[in-house]
């Protein structure tokens, strides 16, 4: 029972940013069908934005979250308007769009290295308080990340599933031509999604950064797992992404406690995700034949 409790508490508090980042990525993927590799840099930039505001203006971590999210959202929209929208208007193929996103990822990563240098950077924050949750010590920052992710996940789910704008987003993702005929303005809705996804990624990066350190590869190290959670959970909508993210977080903690190596735990999960996607693809192929 102690092992289950530790896995649950450690998994949800340490990996809460994973769920938030996966939600943002899944929104973009569902709307555009694009595997946006540069989303990893949105996460990294969120960590850097928060660190820069914190160390330059002396704001505490809680105060930097709002400007960090807004900056990441604006940057996300800027990349869409400057690169991805013109490419779509020129009818660039899916593979070429992925290559464009990969190039943007490299450009942003080296830009960060040019501005901030190669060494790891740290938030200037006092040592967090330790709070006991079900007998497991959790830092206040990680607990805040869990609460923030739970609140934002619920708000995003209600926004997408219950609001008028959410209906437009789902309609646009299902059939853009039909959505336009229905009077939906694709540009407004698309910009909104890119902004929301940017905010989610930026906040995830801030939580990742304050929990350890900030480096140019921060988002890239998390991207493959985020991609797998979004692809596997996305078949069941935003709720599926959240549930798969929660399950992944707890499984990561459980395997890390047993294997004592987080990298091994990540590799096991990635292999499991690939198997699930392979089985799902085979079933779809069989259904199509029938």
C-alpha atoms as a PDB file:
ATOM      1  CA  UNK A   1       0.000   0.000   0.000  1.00  0.00           C
ATOM      2  CA  UNK A   2       2.895   2.342   0.779  1.00  0.00           C
ATOM      3  CA  UNK A   3       4.338   1.769  -2.704  1.00  0.00           C
ATOM      4  CA  UNK A   4       0.997   2.598  -4.345  1.00  0.00           C
ATOM      5  CA  UNK A   5       0.652   5.761  -2.286  1.00  0.00           C
ATOM      6  CA  UNK A   6       4.183   6.895  -3.088  1.00  0.00           C
ATOM      7  CA  UNK A   7       3.698   6.224  -6.789  1.00  0.00           C
ATOM      8  CA  UNK A   8       0.437   8.146  -6.836  1.00  0.00           C
ATOM      9  CA  UNK A   9       1.659  11.200  -4.928  1.00  0.00           C
ATOM     10  CA  UNK A  10       5.124  11.410  -6.508  1.00  0.00           C
ATOM     11  CA  UNK A  11       3.788  10.720  -9.989  1.00  0.00           C
ATOM     12  CA  UNK A  12       1.049  13.339  -9.914  1.00  0.00           C
ATOM     13  CA  UNK A  13       3.146  16.062  -8.307  1.00  0.00           C
ATOM     14  CA  UNK A  14       6.412  15.583 -10.201  1.00  0.00           C
ATOM     15  CA  UNK A  15       4.871  14.911 -13.606  1.00  0.00           C
ATOM     16  CA  UNK A  16       1.921  17.300 -13.483  1.00  0.00           C
ATOM     17  CA  UNK A  17       3.555  19.575 -16.116  1.00  0.00           C
ATOM     18  CA  UNK A  18       3.581  16.597 -18.507  1.00  0.00           C
ATOM     19  CA  UNK A  19      -0.227  16.516 -18.459  1.00  0.00           C
ATOM     20  CA  UNK A  20      -0.493  20.261 -19.080  1.00  0.00           C
ATOM     21  CA  UNK A  21       1.983  20.166 -21.967  1.00  0.00           C
ATOM     22  CA  UNK A  22       0.235  17.143 -23.516  1.00  0.00           C
ATOM     23  CA  UNK A  23      -3.102  18.981 -23.429  1.00  0.00           C
ATOM     24  CA  UNK A  24      -1.601  21.922 -25.306  1.00  0.00           C
ATOM     25  CA  UNK A  25       0.030  19.695 -27.899  1.00  0.00           C
ATOM     26  CA  UNK A  26      -3.145  17.629 -28.346  1.00  0.00           C
ATOM     27  CA  UNK A  27      -5.202  20.767 -29.039  1.00  0.00           C
ATOM     28  CA  UNK A  28      -2.853  21.735 -31.868  1.00  0.00           C
ATOM     29  CA  UNK A  29      -2.672  18.213 -33.240  1.00  0.00           C
ATOM     30  CA  UNK A  30      -6.440  17.748 -33.222  1.00  0.00           C
ATOM     31  CA  UNK A  31      -7.014  21.073 -34.980  1.00  0.00           C
ATOM     32  CA  UNK A  32      -4.212  20.966 -37.551  1.00  0.00           C
ATOM     33  CA  UNK A  33      -3.055  17.345 -37.744  1.00  0.00           C
ATOM     34  CA  UNK A  34       0.472  18.728 -37.407  1.00  0.00           C
ATOM     35  CA  UNK A  35       3.116  17.051 -35.254  1.00  0.00           C
ATOM     36  CA  UNK A  36       4.639  20.354 -34.201  1.00  0.00           C
ATOM     37  CA  UNK A  37       8.175  19.521 -33.098  1.00  0.00           C
ATOM     38  CA  UNK A  38       8.729  23.183 -32.199  1.00  0.00           C
ATOM     39  CA  UNK A  39       6.227  22.770 -29.351  1.00  0.00           C
ATOM     40  CA  UNK A  40       9.171  21.459 -27.340  1.00  0.00           C
ATOM     41  CA  UNK A  41      10.697  24.934 -27.591  1.00  0.00           C
ATOM     42  CA  UNK A  42       7.450  26.515 -26.387  1.00  0.00           C
ATOM     43  CA  UNK A  43       7.952  24.538 -23.189  1.00  0.00           C
ATOM     44  CA  UNK A  44      11.615  25.552 -22.988  1.00  0.00           C
ATOM     45  CA  UNK A  45      10.817  29.198 -23.639  1.00  0.00           C
ATOM     46  CA  UNK A  46       8.209  29.113 -20.881  1.00  0.00           C
ATOM     47  CA  UNK A  47      10.932  28.042 -18.456  1.00  0.00           C
ATOM     48  CA  UNK A  48      13.242  30.804 -19.696  1.00  0.00           C
ATOM     49  CA  UNK A  49      10.530  33.475 -19.670  1.00  0.00           C
ATOM     50  CA  UNK A  50       9.688  32.644 -16.063  1.00  0.00           C
ATOM     51  CA  UNK A  51      13.340  32.554 -15.007  1.00  0.00           C
ATOM     52  CA  UNK A  52      14.092  35.859 -16.765  1.00  0.00           C
ATOM     53  CA  UNK A  53      11.116  37.672 -15.202  1.00  0.00           C
ATOM     54  CA  UNK A  54      11.915  36.170 -11.811  1.00  0.00           C
ATOM     55  CA  UNK A  55      15.614  37.082 -11.786  1.00  0.00           C
ATOM     56  CA  UNK A  56      15.313  40.444 -13.584  1.00  0.00           C
ATOM     57  CA  UNK A  57      12.329  41.976 -11.822  1.00  0.00           C
ATOM     58  CA  UNK A  58      12.525  40.121  -8.530  1.00  0.00           C
ATOM     59  CA  UNK A  59       9.017  38.679  -8.753  1.00  0.00           C
ATOM     60  CA  UNK A  60       8.359  35.463  -6.883  1.00  0.00           C
ATOM     61  CA  UNK A  61       7.491  32.306  -8.767  1.00  0.00           C
ATOM     62  CA  UNK A  62       3.754  32.625  -8.266  1.00  0.00           C
ATOM     63  CA  UNK A  63       3.748  36.126  -9.748  1.00  0.00           C
ATOM     64  CA  UNK A  64       5.660  35.160 -12.902  1.00  0.00           C
ATOM     65  CA  UNK A  65       3.179  32.512 -14.004  1.00  0.00           C
ATOM     66  CA  UNK A  66       0.682  34.889 -15.653  1.00  0.00           C
ATOM     67  CA  UNK A  67       3.209  36.888 -17.731  1.00  0.00           C
ATOM     68  CA  UNK A  68       5.031  33.649 -18.583  1.00  0.00           C
ATOM     69  CA  UNK A  69       1.873  32.061 -19.933  1.00  0.00           C
ATOM     70  CA  UNK A  70       0.926  35.175 -21.897  1.00  0.00           C
ATOM     71  CA  UNK A  71       4.381  35.514 -23.464  1.00  0.00           C
ATOM     72  CA  UNK A  72       4.431  31.855 -24.470  1.00  0.00           C
ATOM     73  CA  UNK A  73       0.940  32.179 -25.939  1.00  0.00           C
ATOM     74  CA  UNK A  74       1.882  35.253 -27.974  1.00  0.00           C
ATOM     75  CA  UNK A  75       5.019  33.527 -29.265  1.00  0.00           C
ATOM     76  CA  UNK A  76       2.979  30.479 -30.260  1.00  0.00           C
ATOM     77  CA  UNK A  77       0.567  32.654 -32.258  1.00  0.00           C
ATOM     78  CA  UNK A  78       3.492  34.514 -33.860  1.00  0.00           C
ATOM     79  CA  UNK A  79       5.021  31.263 -35.139  1.00  0.00           C
ATOM     80  CA  UNK A  80       1.661  30.245 -36.595  1.00  0.00           C
ATOM     81  CA  UNK A  81       1.108  33.560 -38.396  1.00  0.00           C
ATOM     82  CA  UNK A  82       4.714  33.869 -39.599  1.00  0.00           C
ATOM     83  CA  UNK A  83       5.382  30.272 -40.687  1.00  0.00           C
ATOM     84  CA  UNK A  84       2.622  27.702 -40.475  1.00  0.00           C
ATOM     85  CA  UNK A  85      -0.283  29.731 -41.861  1.00  0.00           C
ATOM     86  CA  UNK A  86       1.634  30.893 -44.968  1.00  0.00           C
ATOM     87  CA  UNK A  87       2.817  27.312 -45.513  1.00  0.00           C
ATOM     88  CA  UNK A  88      -0.766  26.032 -45.283  1.00  0.00           C
ATOM     89  CA  UNK A  89      -1.965  28.696 -47.717  1.00  0.00           C
ATOM     90  CA  UNK A  90       0.642  27.425 -50.188  1.00  0.00           C
ATOM     91  CA  UNK A  91      -0.736  23.884 -49.689  1.00  0.00           C
ATOM     92  CA  UNK A  92       2.496  22.557 -48.199  1.00  0.00           C
ATOM     93  CA  UNK A  93       2.233  18.841 -47.409  1.00  0.00           C
ATOM     94  CA  UNK A  94       2.129  17.268 -43.960  1.00  0.00           C
ATOM     95  CA  UNK A  95       5.694  15.958 -44.077  1.00  0.00           C
ATOM     96  CA  UNK A  96       7.026  19.346 -45.196  1.00  0.00           C
ATOM     97  CA  UNK A  97       5.133  21.020 -42.314  1.00  0.00           C
ATOM     98  CA  UNK A  98       6.841  18.696 -39.842  1.00  0.00           C
ATOM     99  CA  UNK A  99      10.212  19.582 -41.383  1.00  0.00           C
ATOM    100  CA  UNK A 100       9.361  23.294 -41.041  1.00  0.00           C
ATOM    101  CA  UNK A 101       8.492  22.777 -37.372  1.00  0.00           C
ATOM    102  CA  UNK A 102      11.735  20.864 -36.847  1.00  0.00           C
ATOM    103  CA  UNK A 103      13.713  23.719 -38.411  1.00  0.00           C
ATOM    104  CA  UNK A 104      11.891  26.227 -36.215  1.00  0.00           C
ATOM    105  CA  UNK A 105      12.730  24.101 -33.176  1.00  0.00           C
ATOM    106  CA  UNK A 106      16.439  24.173 -34.013  1.00  0.00           C
ATOM    107  CA  UNK A 107      16.342  27.915 -34.699  1.00  0.00           C
ATOM    108  CA  UNK A 108      14.644  28.720 -31.380  1.00  0.00           C
ATOM    109  CA  UNK A 109      16.946  26.395 -29.432  1.00  0.00           C
ATOM    110  CA  UNK A 110      20.106  27.990 -30.792  1.00  0.00           C
ATOM    111  CA  UNK A 111      18.562  31.416 -30.308  1.00  0.00           C
ATOM    112  CA  UNK A 112      18.109  30.618 -26.622  1.00  0.00           C
ATOM    113  CA  UNK A 113      21.715  29.468 -26.393  1.00  0.00           C
ATOM    114  CA  UNK A 114      22.862  32.703 -28.020  1.00  0.00           C
ATOM    115  CA  UNK A 115      20.847  34.895 -25.629  1.00  0.00           C
ATOM    116  CA  UNK A 116      21.202  32.985 -22.355  1.00  0.00           C
ATOM    117  CA  UNK A 117      24.343  30.920 -22.979  1.00  0.00           C
ATOM    118  CA  UNK A 118      24.900  27.189 -22.583  1.00  0.00           C
ATOM    119  CA  UNK A 119      25.083  26.848 -18.762  1.00  0.00           C
ATOM    120  CA  UNK A 120      22.008  25.791 -16.857  1.00  0.00           C
ATOM    121  CA  UNK A 121      20.079  28.638 -15.243  1.00  0.00           C
ATOM    122  CA  UNK A 122      18.054  28.618 -12.037  1.00  0.00           C
ATOM    123  CA  UNK A 123      15.094  30.479 -10.608  1.00  0.00           C
ATOM    124  CA  UNK A 124      15.899  32.812  -7.742  1.00  0.00           C
ATOM    125  CA  UNK A 125      13.405  31.410  -5.262  1.00  0.00           C
ATOM    126  CA  UNK A 126      13.658  30.502  -1.585  1.00  0.00           C
ATOM    127  CA  UNK A 127      13.710  26.813  -0.702  1.00  0.00           C
ATOM    128  CA  UNK A 128      10.128  25.555  -1.017  1.00  0.00           C
ATOM    129  CA  UNK A 129       8.203  24.291   1.970  1.00  0.00           C
ATOM    130  CA  UNK A 130       7.722  20.552   2.310  1.00  0.00           C
ATOM    131  CA  UNK A 131       4.143  19.413   2.774  1.00  0.00           C
ATOM    132  CA  UNK A 132       3.191  15.887   3.789  1.00  0.00           C
ATOM    133  CA  UNK A 133       0.590  14.312   1.510  1.00  0.00           C
ATOM    134  CA  UNK A 134      -0.485  10.763   2.441  1.00  0.00           C
ATOM    135  CA  UNK A 135       2.798  10.320   4.246  1.00  0.00           C
ATOM    136  CA  UNK A 136       4.923  11.513   1.304  1.00  0.00           C
ATOM    137  CA  UNK A 137       6.872  14.786   1.451  1.00  0.00           C
ATOM    138  CA  UNK A 138       6.012  17.127  -1.444  1.00  0.00           C
ATOM    139  CA  UNK A 139       7.464  20.590  -2.109  1.00  0.00           C
ATOM    140  CA  UNK A 140       5.047  23.502  -2.290  1.00  0.00           C
ATOM    141  CA  UNK A 141       6.043  24.233  -5.901  1.00  0.00           C
ATOM    142  CA  UNK A 142       5.183  20.711  -7.039  1.00  0.00           C
ATOM    143  CA  UNK A 143       1.912  20.784  -5.134  1.00  0.00           C
ATOM    144  CA  UNK A 144       1.100  24.118  -6.765  1.00  0.00           C
ATOM    145  CA  UNK A 145       1.877  22.590 -10.161  1.00  0.00           C
ATOM    146  CA  UNK A 146      -0.577  19.762  -9.472  1.00  0.00           C
ATOM    147  CA  UNK A 147      -3.329  22.145  -8.340  1.00  0.00           C
ATOM    148  CA  UNK A 148      -2.709  24.461 -11.314  1.00  0.00           C
ATOM    149  CA  UNK A 149      -2.726  21.584 -13.797  1.00  0.00           C
ATOM    150  CA  UNK A 150      -5.923  20.147 -12.300  1.00  0.00           C
ATOM    151  CA  UNK A 151      -7.647  23.550 -12.452  1.00  0.00           C
ATOM    152  CA  UNK A 152      -6.436  24.387 -15.962  1.00  0.00           C
ATOM    153  CA  UNK A 153      -7.275  20.911 -17.257  1.00  0.00           C
ATOM    154  CA  UNK A 154     -10.818  21.221 -15.928  1.00  0.00           C
ATOM    155  CA  UNK A 155     -11.224  24.729 -17.376  1.00  0.00           C
ATOM    156  CA  UNK A 156      -9.895  23.675 -20.778  1.00  0.00           C
ATOM    157  CA  UNK A 157     -12.106  20.598 -20.823  1.00  0.00           C
ATOM    158  CA  UNK A 158     -15.210  22.645 -19.988  1.00  0.00           C
ATOM    159  CA  UNK A 159     -14.186  25.321 -22.501  1.00  0.00           C
ATOM    160  CA  UNK A 160     -13.762  22.836 -25.347  1.00  0.00           C
ATOM    161  CA  UNK A 161     -16.766  20.645 -24.517  1.00  0.00           C
ATOM    162  CA  UNK A 162     -19.309  23.134 -23.153  1.00  0.00           C
ATOM    163  CA  UNK A 163     -18.687  26.633 -24.537  1.00  0.00           C
ATOM    164  CA  UNK A 164     -19.735  28.135 -27.864  1.00  0.00           C
ATOM    165  CA  UNK A 165     -16.115  28.696 -28.823  1.00  0.00           C
ATOM    166  CA  UNK A 166     -15.372  25.089 -27.968  1.00  0.00           C
ATOM    167  CA  UNK A 167     -18.129  23.994 -30.350  1.00  0.00           C
ATOM    168  CA  UNK A 168     -16.519  26.080 -33.100  1.00  0.00           C
ATOM    169  CA  UNK A 169     -13.120  24.555 -32.375  1.00  0.00           C
ATOM    170  CA  UNK A 170     -14.497  21.021 -32.594  1.00  0.00           C
ATOM    171  CA  UNK A 171     -16.388  21.862 -35.764  1.00  0.00           C
ATOM    172  CA  UNK A 172     -13.277  23.350 -37.353  1.00  0.00           C
ATOM    173  CA  UNK A 173     -11.208  20.308 -36.387  1.00  0.00           C
ATOM    174  CA  UNK A 174     -13.798  17.943 -37.873  1.00  0.00           C
ATOM    175  CA  UNK A 175     -14.432  19.691 -41.198  1.00  0.00           C
ATOM    176  CA  UNK A 176     -12.933  23.109 -41.980  1.00  0.00           C
ATOM    177  CA  UNK A 177     -14.958  23.607 -45.172  1.00  0.00           C
ATOM    178  CA  UNK A 178     -18.260  22.833 -43.432  1.00  0.00           C
ATOM    179  CA  UNK A 179     -17.280  25.055 -40.509  1.00  0.00           C
ATOM    180  CA  UNK A 180     -16.698  27.979 -42.875  1.00  0.00           C
ATOM    181  CA  UNK A 181     -20.069  27.454 -44.530  1.00  0.00           C
ATOM    182  CA  UNK A 182     -21.616  27.524 -41.037  1.00  0.00           C
ATOM    183  CA  UNK A 183     -20.197  31.003 -40.493  1.00  0.00           C
ATOM    184  CA  UNK A 184     -17.195  30.054 -38.335  1.00  0.00           C
ATOM    185  CA  UNK A 185     -14.113  32.206 -38.894  1.00  0.00           C
ATOM    186  CA  UNK A 186     -11.214  29.721 -39.077  1.00  0.00           C
ATOM    187  CA  UNK A 187      -8.471  32.289 -38.495  1.00  0.00           C
ATOM    188  CA  UNK A 188      -9.960  33.565 -35.215  1.00  0.00           C
ATOM    189  CA  UNK A 189     -10.549  30.067 -33.877  1.00  0.00           C
ATOM    190  CA  UNK A 190      -7.135  28.806 -35.011  1.00  0.00           C
ATOM    191  CA  UNK A 191      -5.299  31.753 -33.437  1.00  0.00           C
ATOM    192  CA  UNK A 192      -7.201  31.100 -30.197  1.00  0.00           C
ATOM    193  CA  UNK A 193      -6.093  27.451 -30.163  1.00  0.00           C
ATOM    194  CA  UNK A 194      -2.458  28.316 -30.857  1.00  0.00           C
ATOM    195  CA  UNK A 195      -2.578  30.857 -28.033  1.00  0.00           C
ATOM    196  CA  UNK A 196      -4.138  28.411 -25.547  1.00  0.00           C
ATOM    197  CA  UNK A 197      -1.628  25.719 -26.522  1.00  0.00           C
ATOM    198  CA  UNK A 198       1.221  28.196 -26.082  1.00  0.00           C
ATOM    199  CA  UNK A 199      -0.014  29.194 -22.631  1.00  0.00           C
ATOM    200  CA  UNK A 200      -0.261  25.532 -21.588  1.00  0.00           C
ATOM    201  CA  UNK A 201       3.242  24.757 -22.883  1.00  0.00           C
ATOM    202  CA  UNK A 202       4.755  27.877 -21.340  1.00  0.00           C
ATOM    203  CA  UNK A 203       3.290  27.175 -17.908  1.00  0.00           C
ATOM    204  CA  UNK A 204       4.449  23.555 -18.112  1.00  0.00           C
ATOM    205  CA  UNK A 205       7.952  24.814 -18.852  1.00  0.00           C
ATOM    206  CA  UNK A 206       7.878  27.172 -15.871  1.00  0.00           C
ATOM    207  CA  UNK A 207       6.895  24.334 -13.555  1.00  0.00           C
ATOM    208  CA  UNK A 208       9.587  22.089 -15.033  1.00  0.00           C
ATOM    209  CA  UNK A 209      12.187  24.843 -14.655  1.00  0.00           C
ATOM    210  CA  UNK A 210      11.499  25.817 -11.067  1.00  0.00           C
ATOM    211  CA  UNK A 211      11.523  22.168 -10.030  1.00  0.00           C
ATOM    212  CA  UNK A 212      15.055  21.595 -11.334  1.00  0.00           C
ATOM    213  CA  UNK A 213      16.945  23.900 -13.703  1.00  0.00           C
ATOM    214  CA  UNK A 214      16.504  25.719 -17.007  1.00  0.00           C
ATOM    215  CA  UNK A 215      18.483  24.637 -20.067  1.00  0.00           C
ATOM    216  CA  UNK A 216      18.036  24.829 -23.867  1.00  0.00           C
ATOM    217  CA  UNK A 217      17.147  21.112 -24.025  1.00  0.00           C
ATOM    218  CA  UNK A 218      14.510  21.169 -21.267  1.00  0.00           C
ATOM    219  CA  UNK A 219      11.495  20.834 -23.558  1.00  0.00           C
ATOM    220  CA  UNK A 220      13.201  18.516 -26.008  1.00  0.00           C
ATOM    221  CA  UNK A 221      13.885  15.973 -23.241  1.00  0.00           C
ATOM    222  CA  UNK A 222      10.156  15.806 -22.477  1.00  0.00           C
ATOM    223  CA  UNK A 223       8.798  16.012 -26.016  1.00  0.00           C
ATOM    224  CA  UNK A 224       8.678  12.335 -27.007  1.00  0.00           C
ATOM    225  CA  UNK A 225       6.674  11.383 -23.925  1.00  0.00           C
ATOM    226  CA  UNK A 226       4.352  14.371 -24.439  1.00  0.00           C
ATOM    227  CA  UNK A 227       3.847  13.322 -28.065  1.00  0.00           C
ATOM    228  CA  UNK A 228       2.983   9.752 -27.094  1.00  0.00           C
ATOM    229  CA  UNK A 229       0.502  10.837 -24.413  1.00  0.00           C
ATOM    230  CA  UNK A 230      -1.216  13.183 -26.881  1.00  0.00           C
ATOM    231  CA  UNK A 231      -1.374  10.586 -29.677  1.00  0.00           C
ATOM    232  CA  UNK A 232      -2.617   7.728 -27.498  1.00  0.00           C
ATOM    233  CA  UNK A 233      -5.036   9.763 -25.388  1.00  0.00           C
ATOM    234  CA  UNK A 234      -6.199  12.015 -28.204  1.00  0.00           C
ATOM    235  CA  UNK A 235      -8.361   9.265 -29.707  1.00  0.00           C
ATOM    236  CA  UNK A 236     -10.740   9.762 -26.775  1.00  0.00           C
ATOM    237  CA  UNK A 237     -10.659  13.552 -26.880  1.00  0.00           C
ATOM    238  CA  UNK A 238      -9.249  15.961 -24.331  1.00  0.00           C
ATOM    239  CA  UNK A 239     -10.490  13.830 -21.447  1.00  0.00           C
ATOM    240  CA  UNK A 240      -8.543  10.903 -22.853  1.00  0.00           C
ATOM    241  CA  UNK A 241      -5.345  12.967 -22.963  1.00  0.00           C
ATOM    242  CA  UNK A 242      -5.822  13.924 -19.315  1.00  0.00           C
ATOM    243  CA  UNK A 243      -6.488  10.326 -18.223  1.00  0.00           C
ATOM    244  CA  UNK A 244      -3.544   8.913 -20.194  1.00  0.00           C
ATOM    245  CA  UNK A 245      -1.358  11.724 -18.821  1.00  0.00           C
ATOM    246  CA  UNK A 246      -2.359  10.865 -15.259  1.00  0.00           C
ATOM    247  CA  UNK A 247      -1.751   7.161 -15.854  1.00  0.00           C
ATOM    248  CA  UNK A 248       1.625   7.884 -17.449  1.00  0.00           C
ATOM    249  CA  UNK A 249       2.661  10.107 -14.547  1.00  0.00           C
ATOM    250  CA  UNK A 250       1.834   7.458 -11.943  1.00  0.00           C
ATOM    251  CA  UNK A 251       3.441   4.673 -14.017  1.00  0.00           C
ATOM    252  CA  UNK A 252       6.622   6.725 -14.407  1.00  0.00           C
ATOM    253  CA  UNK A 253       6.883   7.196 -10.658  1.00  0.00           C
ATOM    254  CA  UNK A 254       6.131   3.527  -9.932  1.00  0.00           C
ATOM    255  CA  UNK A 255       8.774   2.238 -12.362  1.00  0.00           C
ATOM    256  CA  UNK A 256      11.292   4.850 -11.231  1.00  0.00           C
ATOM    257  CA  UNK A 257      10.874   3.657  -7.636  1.00  0.00           C
ATOM    258  CA  UNK A 258      11.488   0.068  -8.747  1.00  0.00           C
ATOM    259  CA  UNK A 259      14.175   0.629 -11.393  1.00  0.00           C
ATOM    260  CA  UNK A 260      15.755   3.654  -9.679  1.00  0.00           C
ATOM    261  CA  UNK A 261      16.300   5.162 -13.129  1.00  0.00           C
ATOM    262  CA  UNK A 262      13.773   7.572 -14.647  1.00  0.00           C
ATOM    263  CA  UNK A 263      15.280   7.068 -18.117  1.00  0.00           C
ATOM    264  CA  UNK A 264      14.548   3.340 -18.053  1.00  0.00           C
ATOM    265  CA  UNK A 265      10.985   4.043 -16.961  1.00  0.00           C
ATOM    266  CA  UNK A 266      10.506   6.474 -19.844  1.00  0.00           C
ATOM    267  CA  UNK A 267      11.873   3.957 -22.352  1.00  0.00           C
ATOM    268  CA  UNK A 268       9.501   1.247 -21.117  1.00  0.00           C
ATOM    269  CA  UNK A 269       6.515   3.579 -21.422  1.00  0.00           C
ATOM    270  CA  UNK A 270       7.505   4.771 -24.891  1.00  0.00           C
ATOM    271  CA  UNK A 271       7.781   1.168 -26.107  1.00  0.00           C
ATOM    272  CA  UNK A 272       4.350   0.462 -24.592  1.00  0.00           C
ATOM    273  CA  UNK A 273       2.869   3.511 -26.349  1.00  0.00           C
ATOM    274  CA  UNK A 274       4.340   2.422 -29.699  1.00  0.00           C
ATOM    275  CA  UNK A 275       2.774  -1.019 -29.270  1.00  0.00           C
ATOM    276  CA  UNK A 276      -0.616   0.533 -28.482  1.00  0.00           C
ATOM    277  CA  UNK A 277      -0.421   2.788 -31.551  1.00  0.00           C
ATOM    278  CA  UNK A 278       0.634  -0.173 -33.715  1.00  0.00           C
ATOM    279  CA  UNK A 279      -2.299  -2.297 -32.512  1.00  0.00           C
ATOM    280  CA  UNK A 280      -4.706   0.588 -33.012  1.00  0.00           C
ATOM    281  CA  UNK A 281      -3.408   1.166 -36.545  1.00  0.00           C
ATOM    282  CA  UNK A 282      -3.803  -2.523 -37.409  1.00  0.00           C
ATOM    283  CA  UNK A 283      -7.401  -2.561 -36.146  1.00  0.00           C
ATOM    284  CA  UNK A 284      -8.255   0.517 -38.192  1.00  0.00           C
ATOM    285  CA  UNK A 285      -6.742  -1.086 -41.289  1.00  0.00           C
ATOM    286  CA  UNK A 286      -8.834  -4.230 -40.732  1.00  0.00           C
ATOM    287  CA  UNK A 287     -11.969  -2.151 -40.213  1.00  0.00           C
ATOM    288  CA  UNK A 288     -11.303  -0.226 -43.424  1.00  0.00           C
ATOM    289  CA  UNK A 289     -10.990  -3.484 -45.379  1.00  0.00           C
ATOM    290  CA  UNK A 290     -14.321  -4.664 -44.064  1.00  0.00           C
END
